Amino acid sequence: MRIIAAAFALFLTAGTALAADTEGQITAVDQDAMTITLADGQTYKLPAEIDMSAIEEGMEVVIAYRELDGVLQITDMLLPE
């Protein structure tokens, strides 16, 4: 029983480590690769349903993302109004 509880706790910890959020200025937009790069140098993959025309270099954004197979995939993005 103790082993099952420890394994479950490890699973919960690992799951939360995969999701994160950040904010910053967009320094590059790659429409072909569907990615943006922020001022910190990190590149994030945009979801397929996003309207790329609404995203521009220089915008300040807040994003939620998860890492999947080494790719930082955006799950939510707040754009300036």
Protein backbone atom coordinates (compact mmCIF):
# COMPACT_ATOMS: atom_id res chain seq x y z
CA MET A 1 0.00 0.00 0.00
CA ARG A 2 2.86 2.38 0.84
CA ILE A 3 4.46 1.73 -2.57
CA ILE A 4 1.22 2.57 -4.39
CA ALA A 5 0.86 5.85 -2.46
CA ALA A 6 4.47 6.79 -3.23
CA ALA A 7 4.03 5.98 -6.92
CA PHE A 8 0.83 8.05 -7.05
CA ALA A 9 2.56 11.00 -5.36
CA LEU A 10 5.41 10.75 -7.87
CA PHE A 11 2.91 10.70 -10.74
CA LEU A 12 1.21 13.86 -9.45
CA THR A 13 4.53 15.64 -9.05
CA ALA A 14 5.68 14.66 -12.54
CA GLY A 15 2.41 15.81 -14.09
CA THR A 16 2.60 19.27 -12.60
CA ALA A 17 6.23 19.66 -13.65
CA LEU A 18 5.20 19.42 -17.30
CA ALA A 19 2.96 22.51 -17.26
CA ALA A 20 4.27 26.03 -16.82
CA ASP A 21 3.71 29.65 -17.79
CA THR A 22 5.86 32.56 -18.79
CA GLU A 23 5.64 36.04 -20.22
CA GLY A 24 7.78 38.19 -22.44
CA GLN A 25 8.21 40.03 -25.68
CA ILE A 26 7.96 38.17 -28.98
CA THR A 27 11.22 38.60 -30.90
CA ALA A 28 10.48 36.22 -33.80
CA VAL A 29 7.44 34.68 -35.47
CA ASP A 30 7.90 31.69 -37.79
CA GLN A 31 4.61 31.14 -39.63
CA ASP A 32 5.87 28.05 -41.47
CA ALA A 33 6.99 26.29 -38.28
CA MET A 34 4.07 27.77 -36.26
CA THR A 35 6.44 29.02 -33.53
CA ILE A 36 7.24 32.17 -31.63
CA THR A 37 10.46 33.06 -29.88
CA LEU A 38 10.47 35.26 -26.79
CA ALA A 39 13.18 37.70 -25.68
CA ASP A 40 14.63 35.04 -23.36
CA GLY A 41 15.51 32.94 -26.44
CA GLN A 42 12.96 30.18 -25.82
CA THR A 43 10.89 29.01 -28.79
CA TYR A 44 7.30 27.86 -28.32
CA LYS A 45 5.08 25.89 -30.72
CA LEU A 46 1.68 27.44 -31.41
CA PRO A 47 -1.52 25.39 -31.59
CA ALA A 48 -2.80 24.70 -35.12
CA GLU A 49 -6.03 26.66 -34.59
CA ILE A 50 -4.34 29.99 -33.75
CA ASP A 51 -4.78 33.01 -36.02
CA MET A 52 -1.18 33.82 -36.96
CA SER A 53 -2.18 37.26 -38.29
CA ALA A 54 -2.89 38.37 -34.70
CA ILE A 55 0.71 37.72 -33.59
CA GLU A 56 3.52 40.19 -34.28
CA GLU A 57 7.11 40.71 -33.21
CA GLY A 58 7.36 43.18 -30.34
CA MET A 59 4.12 42.08 -28.65
CA GLU A 60 4.15 41.35 -24.92
CA VAL A 61 2.42 38.03 -24.26
CA VAL A 62 1.63 35.72 -21.39
CA ILE A 63 1.60 32.03 -22.31
CA ALA A 64 0.84 28.73 -20.65
CA TYR A 65 2.72 25.79 -22.12
CA ARG A 66 3.71 22.20 -21.62
CA GLU A 67 6.74 20.28 -22.74
CA LEU A 68 5.96 17.35 -25.00
CA ASP A 69 8.78 15.34 -26.57
CA GLY A 70 11.20 18.21 -26.01
CA VAL A 71 8.91 20.79 -27.66
CA LEU A 72 7.42 23.66 -25.64
CA GLN A 73 3.79 23.63 -26.81
CA ILE A 74 1.57 26.60 -26.05
CA THR A 75 -1.72 25.62 -24.43
CA ASP A 76 -3.03 29.16 -23.84
CA MET A 77 -1.90 32.67 -24.79
CA LEU A 78 -2.95 36.12 -23.61
CA LEU A 79 -2.38 38.81 -26.24
CA PRO A 80 -2.48 42.56 -25.57
CA GLU A 81 -5.82 44.24 -26.22
